[in-house]
Amino acid sequence: MMIQNDLTKKFNKGTIAIHWLSALLVLALFPLGKYMSGISPSEKMGVIKIHAMLGIIIFLLTIVRSWLFFKSTSPRQFKNRFQI
């Protein structure tokens, strides 16, 4: 028995793309934070600005992804799970 999990039947392509873009940005923040721990305070300010901007972008992408999830149409079998 093979289980097929086609995410395009549950989520639209925009939601999937934003999800993976957010994931890549989060993964980029970890080495950036590690790099910041080893530099002097005077050099750190520019890197903190980049780190903060990436965090804000991730936050905005998450809001857009949530909005797309609730406003986009999804297949009938997915909608039936949430009907009362």
PDB file of N, CA and C in Angstrom:
ATOM      1  N   MET A   1       0.835  -1.173   0.000  1.00  0.00           N
ATOM      2  CA  MET A   1       0.000   0.000   0.000  1.00  0.00           C
ATOM      3  C   MET A   1       0.887   1.246   0.000  1.00  0.00           C
ATOM      4  N   MET A   2       0.693   2.107  -0.969  1.00  0.00           N
ATOM      5  CA  MET A   2       1.501   3.312  -1.084  1.00  0.00           C
ATOM      6  C   MET A   2       0.656   4.526  -0.707  1.00  0.00           C
ATOM      7  N   ILE A   3       1.179   5.333   0.196  1.00  0.00           N
ATOM      8  CA  ILE A   3       0.477   6.534   0.620  1.00  0.00           C
ATOM      9  C   ILE A   3       0.942   7.687  -0.248  1.00  0.00           C
ATOM     10  N   GLN A   4      -0.019   8.372  -0.843  1.00  0.00           N
ATOM     11  CA  GLN A   4       0.310   9.522  -1.671  1.00  0.00           C
ATOM     12  C   GLN A   4      -0.159  10.777  -0.956  1.00  0.00           C
ATOM     13  N   ASN A   5       0.721  11.713  -0.830  1.00  0.00           N
ATOM     14  CA  ASN A   5       0.412  12.960  -0.152  1.00  0.00           C
ATOM     15  C   ASN A   5       0.729  14.111  -1.095  1.00  0.00           C
ATOM     16  N   ASP A   6      -0.223  14.449  -1.926  1.00  0.00           N
ATOM     17  CA  ASP A   6      -0.041  15.525  -2.892  1.00  0.00           C
ATOM     18  C   ASP A   6      -0.438  16.838  -2.231  1.00  0.00           C
ATOM     19  N   LEU A   7       0.558  17.622  -1.828  1.00  0.00           N
ATOM     20  CA  LEU A   7       0.286  18.862  -1.116  1.00  0.00           C
ATOM     21  C   LEU A   7      -0.414  19.900  -1.975  1.00  0.00           C
ATOM     22  N   THR A   8      -0.306  19.787  -3.308  1.00  0.00           N
ATOM     23  CA  THR A   8      -0.993  20.748  -4.168  1.00  0.00           C
ATOM     24  C   THR A   8      -2.505  20.548  -4.130  1.00  0.00           C
ATOM     25  N   LYS A   9      -2.962  19.431  -3.570  1.00  0.00           N
ATOM     26  CA  LYS A   9      -4.400  19.233  -3.381  1.00  0.00           C
ATOM     27  C   LYS A   9      -4.875  19.869  -2.083  1.00  0.00           C
ATOM     28  N   LYS A  10      -3.948  20.153  -1.175  1.00  0.00           N
ATOM     29  CA  LYS A  10      -4.307  20.758   0.105  1.00  0.00           C
ATOM     30  C   LYS A  10      -4.014  22.258   0.144  1.00  0.00           C
ATOM     31  N   PHE A  11      -2.918  22.647  -0.499  1.00  0.00           N
ATOM     32  CA  PHE A  11      -2.468  24.031  -0.435  1.00  0.00           C
ATOM     33  C   PHE A  11      -2.222  24.551  -1.843  1.00  0.00           C
ATOM     34  N   ASN A  12      -2.442  25.870  -2.041  1.00  0.00           N
ATOM     35  CA  ASN A  12      -2.145  26.422  -3.363  1.00  0.00           C
ATOM     36  C   ASN A  12      -0.642  26.636  -3.501  1.00  0.00           C
ATOM     37  N   LYS A  13      -0.196  26.858  -4.709  1.00  0.00           N
ATOM     38  CA  LYS A  13       1.244  26.954  -4.980  1.00  0.00           C
ATOM     39  C   LYS A  13       1.882  28.156  -4.297  1.00  0.00           C
ATOM     40  N   GLY A  14       1.128  29.242  -4.162  1.00  0.00           N
ATOM     41  CA  GLY A  14       1.656  30.423  -3.476  1.00  0.00           C
ATOM     42  C   GLY A  14       1.965  30.139  -2.018  1.00  0.00           C
ATOM     43  N   THR A  15       1.068  29.409  -1.358  1.00  0.00           N
ATOM     44  CA  THR A  15       1.281  29.053   0.043  1.00  0.00           C
ATOM     45  C   THR A  15       2.513  28.171   0.200  1.00  0.00           C
ATOM     46  N   ILE A  16       2.665  27.218  -0.695  1.00  0.00           N
ATOM     47  CA  ILE A  16       3.822  26.312  -0.638  1.00  0.00           C
ATOM     48  C   ILE A  16       5.120  27.083  -0.883  1.00  0.00           C
ATOM     49  N   ALA A  17       5.110  27.976  -1.871  1.00  0.00           N
ATOM     50  CA  ALA A  17       6.318  28.756  -2.188  1.00  0.00           C
ATOM     51  C   ALA A  17       6.716  29.655  -1.018  1.00  0.00           C
ATOM     52  N   ILE A  18       5.741  30.315  -0.408  1.00  0.00           N
ATOM     53  CA  ILE A  18       6.038  31.190   0.723  1.00  0.00           C
ATOM     54  C   ILE A  18       6.548  30.373   1.907  1.00  0.00           C
ATOM     55  N   HIS A  19       5.994  29.196   2.096  1.00  0.00           N
ATOM     56  CA  HIS A  19       6.450  28.320   3.184  1.00  0.00           C
ATOM     57  C   HIS A  19       7.935  28.004   3.029  1.00  0.00           C
ATOM     58  N   TRP A  20       8.337  27.588   1.841  1.00  0.00           N
ATOM     59  CA  TRP A  20       9.739  27.204   1.636  1.00  0.00           C
ATOM     60  C   TRP A  20      10.667  28.406   1.639  1.00  0.00           C
ATOM     61  N   LEU A  21      10.209  29.536   1.141  1.00  0.00           N
ATOM     62  CA  LEU A  21      11.016  30.750   1.200  1.00  0.00           C
ATOM     63  C   LEU A  21      11.243  31.152   2.656  1.00  0.00           C
ATOM     64  N   SER A  22      10.202  31.090   3.460  1.00  0.00           N
ATOM     65  CA  SER A  22      10.332  31.399   4.886  1.00  0.00           C
ATOM     66  C   SER A  22      11.292  30.432   5.568  1.00  0.00           C
ATOM     67  N   ALA A  23      11.180  29.160   5.233  1.00  0.00           N
ATOM     68  CA  ALA A  23      12.062  28.158   5.832  1.00  0.00           C
ATOM     69  C   ALA A  23      13.527  28.444   5.494  1.00  0.00           C
ATOM     70  N   LEU A  24      13.800  28.788   4.250  1.00  0.00           N
ATOM     71  CA  LEU A  24      15.178  29.105   3.850  1.00  0.00           C
ATOM     72  C   LEU A  24      15.700  30.349   4.561  1.00  0.00           C
ATOM     73  N   LEU A  25      14.837  31.353   4.723  1.00  0.00           N
ATOM     74  CA  LEU A  25      15.263  32.569   5.424  1.00  0.00           C
ATOM     75  C   LEU A  25      15.545  32.284   6.898  1.00  0.00           C
ATOM     76  N   VAL A  26      14.707  31.457   7.526  1.00  0.00           N
ATOM     77  CA  VAL A  26      14.948  31.089   8.922  1.00  0.00           C
ATOM     78  C   VAL A  26      16.272  30.349   9.043  1.00  0.00           C
ATOM     79  N   LEU A  27      16.536  29.439   8.126  1.00  0.00           N
ATOM     80  CA  LEU A  27      17.806  28.708   8.158  1.00  0.00           C
ATOM     81  C   LEU A  27      18.998  29.635   7.930  1.00  0.00           C
ATOM     82  N   ALA A  28      18.806  30.701   7.167  1.00  0.00           N
ATOM     83  CA  ALA A  28      19.883  31.668   6.943  1.00  0.00           C
ATOM     84  C   ALA A  28      20.144  32.507   8.189  1.00  0.00           C
ATOM     85  N   LEU A  29      19.127  32.688   9.026  1.00  0.00           N
ATOM     86  CA  LEU A  29      19.303  33.505  10.224  1.00  0.00           C
ATOM     87  C   LEU A  29      20.202  32.838  11.272  1.00  0.00           C
ATOM     88  N   PHE A  30      20.210  31.513  11.319  1.00  0.00           N
ATOM     89  CA  PHE A  30      21.030  30.823  12.312  1.00  0.00           C
ATOM     90  C   PHE A  30      22.527  31.085  12.134  1.00  0.00           C
ATOM     91  N   PRO A  31      23.093  30.862  10.940  1.00  0.00           N
ATOM     92  CA  PRO A  31      24.526  31.164  10.798  1.00  0.00           C
ATOM     93  C   PRO A  31      24.826  32.659  10.932  1.00  0.00           C
ATOM     94  N   LEU A  32      23.874  33.500  10.539  1.00  0.00           N
ATOM     95  CA  LEU A  32      24.079  34.938  10.695  1.00  0.00           C
ATOM     96  C   LEU A  32      24.165  35.310  12.175  1.00  0.00           C
ATOM     97  N   GLY A  33      23.305  34.725  12.991  1.00  0.00           N
ATOM     98  CA  GLY A  33      23.364  34.958  14.429  1.00  0.00           C
ATOM     99  C   GLY A  33      24.643  34.430  15.040  1.00  0.00           C
ATOM    100  N   LYS A  34      25.074  33.277  14.596  1.00  0.00           N
ATOM    101  CA  LYS A  34      26.335  32.702  15.094  1.00  0.00           C
ATOM    102  C   LYS A  34      27.520  33.602  14.710  1.00  0.00           C
ATOM    103  N   TYR A  35      27.485  34.117  13.493  1.00  0.00           N
ATOM    104  CA  TYR A  35      28.544  35.029  13.028  1.00  0.00           C
ATOM    105  C   TYR A  35      28.576  36.299  13.889  1.00  0.00           C
ATOM    106  N   MET A  36      27.385  36.801  14.247  1.00  0.00           N
ATOM    107  CA  MET A  36      27.322  38.025  15.042  1.00  0.00           C
ATOM    108  C   MET A  36      27.930  37.850  16.424  1.00  0.00           C
ATOM    109  N   SER A  37      27.888  36.647  16.955  1.00  0.00           N
ATOM    110  CA  SER A  37      28.412  36.438  18.303  1.00  0.00           C
ATOM    111  C   SER A  37      29.938  36.551  18.353  1.00  0.00           C
ATOM    112  N   GLY A  38      30.598  36.481  17.203  1.00  0.00           N
ATOM    113  CA  GLY A  38      32.052  36.521  17.189  1.00  0.00           C
ATOM    114  C   GLY A  38      32.657  37.808  16.692  1.00  0.00           C
ATOM    115  N   ILE A  39      31.865  38.843  16.451  1.00  0.00           N
ATOM    116  CA  ILE A  39      32.430  40.090  15.942  1.00  0.00           C
ATOM    117  C   ILE A  39      32.323  41.193  16.990  1.00  0.00           C
ATOM    118  N   SER A  40      33.063  42.261  16.751  1.00  0.00           N
ATOM    119  CA  SER A  40      33.086  43.375  17.710  1.00  0.00           C
ATOM    120  C   SER A  40      31.770  44.155  17.650  1.00  0.00           C
ATOM    121  N   PRO A  41      31.436  44.839  18.738  1.00  0.00           N
ATOM    122  CA  PRO A  41      30.174  45.596  18.776  1.00  0.00           C
ATOM    123  C   PRO A  41      30.049  46.648  17.675  1.00  0.00           C
ATOM    124  N   SER A  42      31.152  47.252  17.276  1.00  0.00           N
ATOM    125  CA  SER A  42      31.077  48.278  16.230  1.00  0.00           C
ATOM    126  C   SER A  42      30.720  47.663  14.868  1.00  0.00           C
ATOM    127  N   GLU A  43      31.191  46.467  14.600  1.00  0.00           N
ATOM    128  CA  GLU A  43      30.863  45.785  13.343  1.00  0.00           C
ATOM    129  C   GLU A  43      29.484  45.144  13.400  1.00  0.00           C
ATOM    130  N   LYS A  44      29.043  44.854  14.596  1.00  0.00           N
ATOM    131  CA  LYS A  44      27.814  44.097  14.786  1.00  0.00           C
ATOM    132  C   LYS A  44      26.560  44.866  14.371  1.00  0.00           C
ATOM    133  N   MET A  45      26.577  46.195  14.445  1.00  0.00           N
ATOM    134  CA  MET A  45      25.376  46.987  14.205  1.00  0.00           C
ATOM    135  C   MET A  45      24.809  46.780  12.795  1.00  0.00           C
ATOM    136  N   GLY A  46      25.657  46.751  11.794  1.00  0.00           N
ATOM    137  CA  GLY A  46      25.180  46.537  10.425  1.00  0.00           C
ATOM    138  C   GLY A  46      24.576  45.151  10.237  1.00  0.00           C
ATOM    139  N   VAL A  47      25.183  44.159  10.863  1.00  0.00           N
ATOM    140  CA  VAL A  47      24.692  42.789  10.746  1.00  0.00           C
ATOM    141  C   VAL A  47      23.371  42.631  11.502  1.00  0.00           C
ATOM    142  N   ILE A  48      23.228  43.332  12.625  1.00  0.00           N
ATOM    143  CA  ILE A  48      21.970  43.284  13.373  1.00  0.00           C
ATOM    144  C   ILE A  48      20.836  43.855  12.536  1.00  0.00           C
ATOM    145  N   LYS A  49      21.111  44.907  11.782  1.00  0.00           N
ATOM    146  CA  LYS A  49      20.076  45.486  10.906  1.00  0.00           C
ATOM    147  C   LYS A  49      19.631  44.475   9.858  1.00  0.00           C
ATOM    148  N   ILE A  50      20.577  43.768   9.267  1.00  0.00           N
ATOM    149  CA  ILE A  50      20.236  42.737   8.276  1.00  0.00           C
ATOM    150  C   ILE A  50      19.429  41.626   8.933  1.00  0.00           C
ATOM    151  N   HIS A  51      19.855  41.208  10.108  1.00  0.00           N
ATOM    152  CA  HIS A  51      19.173  40.150  10.847  1.00  0.00           C
ATOM    153  C   HIS A  51      17.729  40.562  11.168  1.00  0.00           C
ATOM    154  N   ALA A  52      17.554  41.806  11.608  1.00  0.00           N
ATOM    155  CA  ALA A  52      16.215  42.303  11.940  1.00  0.00           C
ATOM    156  C   ALA A  52      15.339  42.407  10.691  1.00  0.00           C
ATOM    157  N   MET A  53      15.907  42.880   9.583  1.00  0.00           N
ATOM    158  CA  MET A  53      15.133  42.996   8.337  1.00  0.00           C
ATOM    159  C   MET A  53      14.656  41.627   7.857  1.00  0.00           C
ATOM    160  N   LEU A  54      15.537  40.632   7.939  1.00  0.00           N
ATOM    161  CA  LEU A  54      15.138  39.280   7.542  1.00  0.00           C
ATOM    162  C   LEU A  54      14.034  38.750   8.451  1.00  0.00           C
ATOM    163  N   GLY A  55      14.118  39.041   9.738  1.00  0.00           N
ATOM    164  CA  GLY A  55      13.067  38.631  10.666  1.00  0.00           C
ATOM    165  C   GLY A  55      11.734  39.278  10.340  1.00  0.00           C
ATOM    166  N   ILE A  56      11.742  40.554   9.988  1.00  0.00           N
ATOM    167  CA  ILE A  56      10.513  41.255   9.614  1.00  0.00           C
ATOM    168  C   ILE A  56       9.947  40.686   8.321  1.00  0.00           C
ATOM    169  N   ILE A  57      10.816  40.377   7.366  1.00  0.00           N
ATOM    170  CA  ILE A  57      10.359  39.769   6.103  1.00  0.00           C
ATOM    171  C   ILE A  57       9.702  38.424   6.366  1.00  0.00           C
ATOM    172  N   ILE A  58      10.290  37.617   7.238  1.00  0.00           N
ATOM    173  CA  ILE A  58       9.708  36.320   7.576  1.00  0.00           C
ATOM    174  C   ILE A  58       8.340  36.506   8.224  1.00  0.00           C
ATOM    175  N   PHE A  59       8.230  37.477   9.118  1.00  0.00           N
ATOM    176  CA  PHE A  59       6.954  37.753   9.771  1.00  0.00           C
ATOM    177  C   PHE A  59       5.888  38.144   8.747  1.00  0.00           C
ATOM    178  N   LEU A  60       6.234  39.040   7.819  1.00  0.00           N
ATOM    179  CA  LEU A  60       5.273  39.466   6.793  1.00  0.00           C
ATOM    180  C   LEU A  60       4.891  38.314   5.864  1.00  0.00           C
ATOM    181  N   LEU A  61       5.868  37.489   5.494  1.00  0.00           N
ATOM    182  CA  LEU A  61       5.570  36.326   4.660  1.00  0.00           C
ATOM    183  C   LEU A  61       4.628  35.361   5.377  1.00  0.00           C
ATOM    184  N   THR A  62       4.797  35.217   6.685  1.00  0.00           N
ATOM    185  CA  THR A  62       3.918  34.339   7.463  1.00  0.00           C
ATOM    186  C   THR A  62       2.491  34.879   7.476  1.00  0.00           C
ATOM    187  N   ILE A  63       2.337  36.177   7.594  1.00  0.00           N
ATOM    188  CA  ILE A  63       0.994  36.775   7.551  1.00  0.00           C
ATOM    189  C   ILE A  63       0.364  36.555   6.177  1.00  0.00           C
ATOM    190  N   VAL A  64       1.122  36.780   5.113  1.00  0.00           N
ATOM    191  CA  VAL A  64       0.607  36.575   3.756  1.00  0.00           C
ATOM    192  C   VAL A  64       0.250  35.106   3.542  1.00  0.00           C
ATOM    193  N   ARG A  65       1.102  34.206   4.009  1.00  0.00           N
ATOM    194  CA  ARG A  65       0.840  32.771   3.860  1.00  0.00           C
ATOM    195  C   ARG A  65      -0.431  32.369   4.597  1.00  0.00           C
ATOM    196  N   SER A  66      -0.637  32.884   5.787  1.00  0.00           N
ATOM    197  CA  SER A  66      -1.861  32.576   6.541  1.00  0.00           C
ATOM    198  C   SER A  66      -3.084  33.131   5.825  1.00  0.00           C
ATOM    199  N   TRP A  67      -2.984  34.343   5.308  1.00  0.00           N
ATOM    200  CA  TRP A  67      -4.093  34.945   4.585  1.00  0.00           C
ATOM    201  C   TRP A  67      -4.426  34.116   3.340  1.00  0.00           C
ATOM    202  N   LEU A  68      -3.398  33.716   2.592  1.00  0.00           N
ATOM    203  CA  LEU A  68      -3.635  32.890   1.404  1.00  0.00           C
ATOM    204  C   LEU A  68      -4.274  31.553   1.761  1.00  0.00           C
ATOM    205  N   PHE A  69      -3.841  30.964   2.867  1.00  0.00           N
ATOM    206  CA  PHE A  69      -4.380  29.677   3.275  1.00  0.00           C
ATOM    207  C   PHE A  69      -5.879  29.770   3.545  1.00  0.00           C
ATOM    208  N   PHE A  70      -6.308  30.808   4.244  1.00  0.00           N
ATOM    209  CA  PHE A  70      -7.715  30.910   4.612  1.00  0.00           C
ATOM    210  C   PHE A  70      -8.587  31.504   3.510  1.00  0.00           C
ATOM    211  N   LYS A  71      -8.017  32.267   2.588  1.00  0.00           N
ATOM    212  CA  LYS A  71      -8.808  32.897   1.537  1.00  0.00           C
ATOM    213  C   LYS A  71      -8.830  32.111   0.224  1.00  0.00           C
ATOM    214  N   SER A  72      -7.868  31.238   0.008  1.00  0.00           N
ATOM    215  CA  SER A  72      -7.813  30.514  -1.264  1.00  0.00           C
ATOM    216  C   SER A  72      -8.753  29.315  -1.227  1.00  0.00           C
ATOM    217  N   THR A  73      -9.166  28.901  -2.399  1.00  0.00           N
ATOM    218  CA  THR A  73     -10.011  27.718  -2.492  1.00  0.00           C
ATOM    219  C   THR A  73      -9.134  26.479  -2.466  1.00  0.00           C
ATOM    220  N   SER A  74      -9.640  25.453  -1.833  1.00  0.00           N
ATOM    221  CA  SER A  74      -8.930  24.188  -1.784  1.00  0.00           C
ATOM    222  C   SER A  74      -9.870  23.085  -2.234  1.00  0.00           C
ATOM    223  N   PRO A  75      -9.343  21.929  -2.570  1.00  0.00           N
ATOM    224  CA  PRO A  75     -10.180  20.851  -3.080  1.00  0.00           C
ATOM    225  C   PRO A  75     -11.282  20.439  -2.097  1.00  0.00           C
ATOM    226  N   ARG A  76     -12.306  19.846  -2.629  1.00  0.00           N
ATOM    227  CA  ARG A  76     -13.489  19.479  -1.847  1.00  0.00           C
ATOM    228  C   ARG A  76     -13.160  18.536  -0.696  1.00  0.00           C
ATOM    229  N   GLN A  77     -12.333  17.520  -0.927  1.00  0.00           N
ATOM    230  CA  GLN A  77     -12.039  16.569   0.136  1.00  0.00           C
ATOM    231  C   GLN A  77     -11.322  17.221   1.308  1.00  0.00           C
ATOM    232  N   PHE A  78     -10.563  18.276   1.066  1.00  0.00           N
ATOM    233  CA  PHE A  78      -9.885  18.980   2.159  1.00  0.00           C
ATOM    234  C   PHE A  78     -10.886  19.835   2.922  1.00  0.00           C
ATOM    235  N   LYS A  79     -11.803  20.470   2.222  1.00  0.00           N
ATOM    236  CA  LYS A  79     -12.800  21.313   2.873  1.00  0.00           C
ATOM    237  C   LYS A  79     -13.744  20.504   3.736  1.00  0.00           C
ATOM    238  N   ASN A  80     -14.075  19.273   3.333  1.00  0.00           N
ATOM    239  CA  ASN A  80     -15.013  18.455   4.086  1.00  0.00           C
ATOM    240  C   ASN A  80     -14.506  18.119   5.479  1.00  0.00           C
ATOM    241  N   ARG A  81     -13.218  18.083   5.684  1.00  0.00           N
ATOM    242  CA  ARG A  81     -12.662  17.765   7.000  1.00  0.00           C
ATOM    243  C   ARG A  81     -12.986  18.828   8.031  1.00  0.00           C
ATOM    244  N   PHE A  82     -13.169  20.068   7.579  1.00  0.00           N
ATOM    245  CA  PHE A  82     -13.359  21.163   8.515  1.00  0.00           C
ATOM    246  C   PHE A  82     -14.804  21.613   8.639  1.00  0.00           C
ATOM    247  N   GLN A  83     -15.705  20.929   7.980  1.00  0.00           N
ATOM    248  CA  GLN A  83     -17.116  21.295   8.103  1.00  0.00           C
ATOM    249  C   GLN A  83     -17.685  20.727   9.387  1.00  0.00           C
ATOM    250  N   ILE A  84     -18.572  21.493   9.975  1.00  0.00           N
ATOM    251  CA  ILE A  84     -19.199  21.059  11.244  1.00  0.00           C
ATOM    252  C   ILE A  84     -20.543  20.441  10.953  1.00  0.00           C
TER     253      ILE A  84
END
